[in-house]
Amino acid sequence: MKALLFALLAAATLVPAARAQSLPAVYLNARDEETVPDSATHYRVVDRKKGESGYAMRDYSLNGTLLLRGTLTGQEPTVRNGLFTWYHPNGNKAGQVHYHNDEADGVYVSWYEDGKVSQRGEYSDGMRVGKWISVHRNGQKRSEGTYVASRPHGEWRYYYDTGQLSAIEKLDNGRSTNLKFFNLDGELYAGAPRRRQAPEFPGGQAALMQYLARNTVYSKAARRKNITGKVYVSYTVGEDGRISQVRVVRGLAPEVDIEARRVIAALPAFRPGREYNVPTAMTYTLPIMFAPNFKLFGGVKATQSPPTEARVGNPDESY
């Protein structure tokens, strides 16, 4: 709760004095539904633009990091109009598109954390249309294809970061009619093609849960204060399988927040996730449970929960 109060105070300092009075902050869950603070994943601050009918809105993670900025012309129900921008934890833009009458409309661009473009396409009345292209971090093309009313249609091509073709899929209004994978040397892939494979911890998910239970330390300081509950940590499994971008997205107290971040940052390398046979970075949120050891001897540890993949910052996944 202290972390939540600190986040709200931090957000309040970001509102310029020239603006009208801000409305009360609203706590939201992962589906952007209003909820109580203990169940929230983020919160929203809204204030009326001076001399205008619109409302400036900003979404923050519970630790005060800016996630999204945009303009509302209605709140009940919510109506989005104007430019909406998503942000990476380092403050750089993650995605951007205009809205018209609550529908994404126009060019959509997304960026990697270092500012390089990762994807580009177009929306019309809230639907993906026309040619879309994605790019590897090194600037090589990653995928290209066409959408019709938000459904992939025609031939889609996928590429390794070397430029070598990794897959070709033919689709009819979102329905796959043919899919071929290729190895790095250009030879046809002999195994069964899988469009998406999640990263895998050595030994599987059960081994990951055991690792967390064995290596998470419930400190004496936390025990004395009877700090009990879950710390939610976000992390990315990179294209090489290594852990990066570790941050606490919902904390309990410094004594356990620091430990939760430490145990995730120390995870060994995973087998990388893949999309269309291409190694792919994927971001997850993992709750780390802290509870007293009820056995004086033997070491019963708190049961840990498996990770969930973080939502993507683009119009298809918001609201």
Protein backbone atom coordinates (compact mmCIF):
# COMPACT_ATOMS: atom_id res chain seq x y z
CA MET A 1 0.00 0.00 0.00
CA LYS A 2 2.92 2.35 0.71
CA ALA A 3 4.09 1.81 -2.86
CA LEU A 4 0.64 2.77 -4.16
CA LEU A 5 0.54 5.97 -2.14
CA PHE A 6 4.03 6.87 -3.31
CA ALA A 7 3.00 6.24 -6.94
CA LEU A 8 -0.01 8.51 -6.61
CA LEU A 9 2.07 11.27 -5.06
CA ALA A 10 4.63 10.92 -7.82
CA ALA A 11 1.92 11.10 -10.49
CA ALA A 12 0.42 14.18 -8.91
CA THR A 13 3.70 16.03 -9.28
CA LEU A 14 3.58 15.43 -13.04
CA VAL A 15 0.34 17.42 -13.47
CA PRO A 16 1.16 21.04 -14.39
CA ALA A 17 -0.34 23.73 -12.16
CA ALA A 18 -1.97 25.40 -15.18
CA ARG A 19 -4.31 22.45 -15.65
CA ALA A 20 -7.71 22.22 -14.04
CA GLN A 21 -8.13 20.01 -11.00
CA SER A 22 -7.46 16.33 -11.66
CA LEU A 23 -10.19 13.78 -11.14
CA PRO A 24 -9.55 11.05 -8.54
CA ALA A 25 -7.13 8.36 -9.72
CA VAL A 26 -8.84 5.16 -10.85
CA TYR A 27 -7.31 1.73 -10.22
CA LEU A 28 -7.56 -0.73 -13.14
CA ASN A 29 -6.89 -4.44 -13.71
CA ALA A 30 -5.16 -6.01 -16.71
CA ARG A 31 -8.41 -5.70 -18.73
CA ASP A 32 -8.66 -1.98 -17.89
CA GLU A 33 -11.66 -2.61 -15.64
CA GLU A 34 -12.02 -0.51 -12.50
CA THR A 35 -11.00 -2.41 -9.37
CA VAL A 36 -9.70 -2.01 -5.81
CA PRO A 37 -6.03 -1.07 -5.27
CA ASP A 38 -5.01 -4.54 -4.05
CA SER A 39 -6.22 -6.12 -7.32
CA ALA A 40 -4.96 -3.40 -9.66
CA THR A 41 -2.17 -3.68 -12.23
CA HIS A 42 -2.08 0.05 -13.03
CA TYR A 43 -3.95 3.28 -12.41
CA ARG A 44 -5.27 6.20 -14.45
CA VAL A 45 -5.11 9.93 -13.85
CA VAL A 46 -7.54 12.15 -15.82
CA ASP A 47 -7.85 15.94 -15.86
CA ARG A 48 -9.87 18.32 -17.99
CA LYS A 49 -7.88 20.32 -20.53
CA LYS A 50 -8.05 24.00 -19.69
CA GLY A 51 -10.59 25.76 -21.92
CA GLU A 52 -11.41 22.57 -23.81
CA SER A 53 -14.04 19.83 -23.55
CA GLY A 54 -11.54 16.96 -23.64
CA TYR A 55 -9.79 15.14 -20.83
CA ALA A 56 -6.06 14.46 -20.75
CA MET A 57 -5.46 10.92 -19.47
CA ARG A 58 -2.34 9.09 -18.34
CA ASP A 59 -1.95 5.47 -17.27
CA TYR A 60 0.79 4.56 -14.80
CA SER A 61 2.15 1.30 -13.45
CA LEU A 62 1.72 0.98 -9.69
CA ASN A 63 5.32 2.11 -9.17
CA GLY A 64 4.58 5.39 -10.98
CA THR A 65 6.06 4.61 -14.43
CA LEU A 66 4.17 6.24 -17.30
CA LEU A 67 2.52 3.61 -19.56
CA LEU A 68 0.12 5.52 -21.81
CA ARG A 69 -0.88 9.08 -22.63
CA GLY A 70 -3.89 10.26 -24.65
CA THR A 71 -7.10 12.33 -24.75
CA LEU A 72 -10.67 11.38 -23.90
CA THR A 73 -13.74 13.27 -25.10
CA GLY A 74 -16.04 11.12 -22.96
CA GLN A 75 -15.64 9.03 -19.82
CA GLU A 76 -18.89 7.14 -19.29
CA PRO A 77 -18.53 5.46 -21.68
CA THR A 78 -14.86 6.14 -22.46
CA VAL A 79 -14.34 7.78 -25.87
CA ARG A 80 -10.81 8.18 -27.23
CA ASN A 81 -9.93 10.94 -29.69
CA GLY A 82 -6.56 12.25 -30.82
CA LEU A 83 -3.05 10.89 -30.47
CA PHE A 84 -2.38 7.99 -28.09
CA THR A 85 1.18 7.06 -27.12
CA TRP A 86 2.43 4.01 -25.19
CA TYR A 87 5.78 4.09 -23.37
CA HIS A 88 8.58 1.70 -22.45
CA PRO A 89 9.78 1.66 -18.80
CA ASN A 90 12.82 3.73 -19.84
CA GLY A 91 10.50 6.55 -20.99
CA ASN A 92 10.93 6.04 -24.74
CA LYS A 93 7.88 5.63 -26.97
CA ALA A 94 6.64 2.06 -27.44
CA GLY A 95 3.74 2.70 -29.84
CA GLN A 96 1.64 5.51 -31.29
CA VAL A 97 -1.59 5.91 -33.25
CA HIS A 98 -4.46 8.40 -33.61
CA TYR A 99 -8.01 7.62 -32.50
CA HIS A 100 -11.24 8.94 -34.00
CA ASN A 101 -14.51 8.34 -32.15
CA ASP A 102 -12.89 5.63 -30.02
CA GLU A 103 -11.41 3.69 -32.97
CA ALA A 104 -7.76 3.54 -34.01
CA ASP A 105 -7.50 5.34 -37.34
CA GLY A 106 -4.35 6.03 -39.32
CA VAL A 107 -0.70 4.96 -39.27
CA TYR A 108 0.48 2.88 -36.31
CA VAL A 109 4.18 2.76 -35.43
CA SER A 110 5.90 0.87 -32.63
CA TRP A 111 9.51 1.12 -31.41
CA TYR A 112 12.06 -0.91 -29.51
CA GLU A 113 13.36 0.49 -26.22
CA ASP A 114 16.33 2.07 -28.03
CA GLY A 115 14.07 4.07 -30.36
CA LYS A 116 14.42 1.90 -33.46
CA VAL A 117 11.18 1.11 -35.33
CA SER A 118 9.85 -2.41 -34.68
CA GLN A 119 6.53 -2.37 -36.56
CA ARG A 120 4.53 -0.19 -38.92
CA GLY A 121 1.05 -0.49 -40.39
CA GLU A 122 -2.33 1.22 -40.66
CA TYR A 123 -5.72 1.13 -38.93
CA SER A 124 -9.07 2.11 -40.38
CA ASP A 125 -12.11 2.29 -38.08
CA GLY A 126 -10.27 0.21 -35.49
CA MET A 127 -9.20 -2.54 -37.90
CA ARG A 128 -5.81 -3.38 -39.37
CA VAL A 129 -5.73 -2.80 -43.11
CA GLY A 130 -3.21 -2.88 -45.93
CA LYS A 131 0.45 -3.81 -45.71
CA TRP A 132 2.10 -4.31 -42.31
CA ILE A 133 5.80 -4.82 -41.73
CA SER A 134 7.87 -5.68 -38.68
CA VAL A 135 11.63 -5.28 -38.25
CA HIS A 136 14.36 -7.04 -36.26
CA ARG A 137 16.44 -5.01 -33.82
CA ASN A 138 19.33 -5.01 -36.30
CA GLY A 139 17.15 -3.37 -38.98
CA GLN A 140 16.52 -6.50 -41.04
CA LYS A 141 12.95 -7.18 -42.11
CA ARG A 142 11.14 -9.59 -39.75
CA SER A 143 7.73 -10.06 -41.38
CA GLU A 144 5.56 -8.58 -44.12
CA GLY A 145 2.00 -9.17 -45.22
CA THR A 146 -1.45 -7.70 -45.72
CA TYR A 147 -4.52 -7.33 -43.49
CA VAL A 148 -8.12 -7.12 -44.67
CA ALA A 149 -10.49 -5.99 -41.88
CA SER A 150 -7.92 -7.07 -39.23
CA ARG A 151 -7.52 -10.54 -40.74
CA PRO A 152 -4.20 -11.54 -42.32
CA HIS A 153 -4.80 -12.31 -45.98
CA GLY A 154 -2.71 -13.50 -48.89
CA GLU A 155 0.96 -14.40 -48.58
CA TRP A 156 2.87 -13.55 -45.39
CA ARG A 157 6.65 -13.89 -45.23
CA TYR A 158 8.87 -14.14 -42.15
CA TYR A 159 12.65 -13.69 -41.96
CA TYR A 160 15.59 -14.46 -39.69
CA ASP A 161 17.69 -11.48 -38.62
CA THR A 162 20.20 -12.51 -41.29
CA GLY A 163 17.65 -11.76 -44.01
CA GLN A 164 17.13 -15.46 -44.75
CA LEU A 165 13.49 -16.53 -45.22
CA SER A 166 12.15 -18.46 -42.18
CA ALA A 167 8.54 -19.11 -43.16
CA ILE A 168 5.89 -18.53 -45.81
CA GLU A 169 2.21 -18.74 -44.92
CA LYS A 170 -0.73 -18.37 -47.28
CA LEU A 171 -3.99 -17.23 -45.72
CA ASP A 172 -7.57 -16.70 -46.78
CA ASN A 173 -9.20 -14.07 -44.52
CA GLY A 174 -7.27 -15.24 -41.49
CA ARG A 175 -7.46 -18.96 -42.26
CA SER A 176 -4.15 -20.62 -43.01
CA THR A 177 -4.15 -22.64 -46.23
CA ASN A 178 -0.44 -23.43 -46.44
CA LEU A 179 2.56 -23.00 -44.12
CA LYS A 180 6.21 -23.80 -44.78
CA PHE A 181 9.24 -23.29 -42.51
CA PHE A 182 12.86 -22.95 -43.61
CA ASN A 183 16.14 -23.52 -41.79
CA LEU A 184 18.84 -20.87 -41.56
CA ASP A 185 20.61 -22.47 -44.52
CA GLY A 186 17.48 -22.09 -46.69
CA GLU A 187 16.57 -25.78 -46.64
CA LEU A 188 12.93 -26.73 -46.04
CA TYR A 189 12.25 -27.45 -42.35
CA ALA A 190 11.41 -31.15 -41.89
CA GLY A 191 9.55 -30.99 -38.55
CA ALA A 192 5.95 -29.99 -37.82
CA PRO A 193 5.71 -26.17 -38.08
CA ARG A 194 4.56 -24.34 -34.93
CA ARG A 195 3.65 -20.69 -35.31
CA ARG A 196 4.55 -19.79 -31.74
CA GLN A 197 6.61 -21.42 -29.00
CA ALA A 198 6.92 -19.85 -25.55
CA PRO A 199 10.35 -19.62 -23.86
CA GLU A 200 11.15 -22.69 -21.78
CA PHE A 201 12.96 -22.75 -18.45
CA PRO A 202 15.52 -25.59 -18.13
CA GLY A 203 13.43 -28.53 -16.94
CA GLY A 204 10.10 -26.86 -17.71
CA GLN A 205 7.62 -24.79 -15.74
CA ALA A 206 7.62 -27.12 -12.72
CA ALA A 207 11.38 -26.64 -12.47
CA LEU A 208 10.90 -22.86 -12.64
CA MET A 209 8.43 -22.97 -9.72
CA GLN A 210 10.84 -25.12 -7.71
CA TYR A 211 13.70 -22.73 -8.47
CA LEU A 212 11.69 -19.76 -7.21
CA ALA A 213 10.55 -21.56 -4.06
CA ARG A 214 14.10 -22.68 -3.31
CA ASN A 215 15.85 -19.40 -4.03
CA THR A 216 13.42 -16.73 -2.80
CA VAL A 217 14.48 -15.52 0.65
CA TYR A 218 11.90 -14.33 3.19
CA SER A 219 14.16 -12.03 5.19
CA LYS A 220 14.17 -11.52 8.95
CA ALA A 221 13.23 -7.86 8.43
CA ALA A 222 10.17 -8.88 6.39
CA ARG A 223 9.28 -11.53 8.96
CA ARG A 224 9.46 -9.06 11.83
CA LYS A 225 7.07 -6.74 9.99
CA ASN A 226 4.82 -9.68 9.01
CA ILE A 227 4.95 -8.69 5.34
CA THR A 228 2.92 -11.29 3.45
CA GLY A 229 1.65 -11.31 -0.13
CA LYS A 230 2.73 -11.21 -3.78
CA VAL A 231 5.22 -8.95 -5.55
CA TYR A 232 4.58 -8.79 -9.30
CA VAL A 233 7.73 -8.65 -11.40
CA SER A 234 7.93 -8.03 -15.15
CA TYR A 235 10.82 -9.48 -17.17
CA THR A 236 11.77 -10.17 -20.77
CA VAL A 237 13.22 -13.43 -22.09
CA GLY A 238 15.39 -12.21 -24.94
CA GLU A 239 16.03 -13.72 -28.33
CA ASP A 240 19.12 -15.34 -26.79
CA GLY A 241 17.11 -16.71 -23.82
CA ARG A 242 18.66 -14.40 -21.25
CA ILE A 243 16.62 -12.40 -18.73
CA SER A 244 16.52 -8.60 -19.00
CA GLN A 245 14.31 -5.55 -18.29
CA VAL A 246 13.42 -6.81 -14.81
CA ARG A 247 11.19 -4.44 -12.84
CA VAL A 248 8.67 -4.56 -10.02
CA VAL A 249 5.26 -3.60 -11.42
CA ARG A 250 3.34 -4.10 -8.16
CA GLY A 251 5.20 -4.20 -4.89
CA LEU A 252 4.53 -4.78 -1.20
CA ALA A 253 7.42 -3.19 0.64
CA PRO A 254 11.12 -2.51 -0.10
CA GLU A 255 12.21 -5.51 2.02
CA VAL A 256 10.49 -7.96 -0.36
CA ASP A 257 10.38 -5.91 -3.59
CA ILE A 258 14.18 -5.91 -3.81
CA GLU A 259 14.32 -9.66 -3.18
CA ALA A 260 11.67 -10.41 -5.82
CA ARG A 261 13.60 -8.42 -8.41
CA ARG A 262 16.86 -10.14 -7.42
CA VAL A 263 15.54 -13.70 -7.74
CA ILE A 264 14.07 -13.01 -11.21
CA ALA A 265 17.19 -11.21 -12.47
CA ALA A 266 19.26 -14.24 -11.38
CA LEU A 267 17.23 -16.77 -13.41
CA PRO A 268 19.36 -18.93 -15.72
CA ALA A 269 18.91 -18.66 -19.47
CA PHE A 270 15.73 -20.08 -21.02
CA ARG A 271 15.34 -21.80 -24.34
CA PRO A 272 14.25 -18.75 -26.39
CA GLY A 273 10.70 -18.32 -27.55
CA ARG A 274 10.07 -18.48 -31.28
CA GLU A 275 7.53 -17.11 -33.74
CA TYR A 276 7.46 -18.63 -37.21
CA ASN A 277 10.74 -20.36 -36.37
CA VAL A 278 12.42 -17.04 -35.53
CA PRO A 279 13.87 -16.49 -32.01
CA THR A 280 11.60 -13.89 -30.38
CA ALA A 281 11.82 -11.80 -27.21
CA MET A 282 8.75 -12.24 -24.98
CA THR A 283 7.75 -10.35 -21.83
CA TYR A 284 6.08 -11.91 -18.80
CA THR A 285 4.76 -10.90 -15.41
CA LEU A 286 5.44 -13.26 -12.52
CA PRO A 287 4.02 -13.03 -8.98
CA ILE A 288 6.56 -13.88 -6.27
CA MET A 289 4.82 -15.02 -3.08
CA PHE A 290 6.27 -14.08 0.30
CA ALA A 291 4.98 -15.83 3.40
CA PRO A 292 6.46 -16.95 6.75
CA ASN A 293 8.11 -20.35 7.00
CA PHE A 294 5.68 -22.13 9.30
CA LYS A 295 8.06 -25.02 10.04
CA LEU A 296 10.90 -24.27 12.39
CA PHE A 297 12.95 -27.02 10.74
CA GLY A 298 12.85 -28.41 7.23
CA GLY A 299 12.06 -25.28 5.27
CA VAL A 300 8.52 -25.18 3.89
CA LYS A 301 8.50 -22.43 1.27
CA ALA A 302 5.65 -20.33 -0.09
CA THR A 303 3.95 -21.82 -3.15
CA GLN A 304 4.74 -19.82 -6.29
CA SER A 305 2.44 -19.13 -9.26
CA PRO A 306 3.40 -19.50 -12.95
CA PRO A 307 4.09 -16.43 -15.11
CA THR A 308 1.62 -14.80 -17.47
CA GLU A 309 2.62 -13.09 -20.70
CA ALA A 310 2.40 -9.30 -20.52
CA ARG A 311 -0.12 -7.51 -22.71
CA VAL A 312 1.14 -5.83 -25.84
CA GLY A 313 1.08 -2.03 -26.02
CA ASN A 314 -0.99 -1.46 -29.14
CA PRO A 315 -4.60 -0.59 -29.99
CA ASP A 316 -5.59 -4.25 -30.40
CA GLU A 317 -4.79 -4.97 -26.75
CA SER A 318 -5.93 -1.80 -24.95
CA TYR A 319 -9.25 -1.09 -23.24
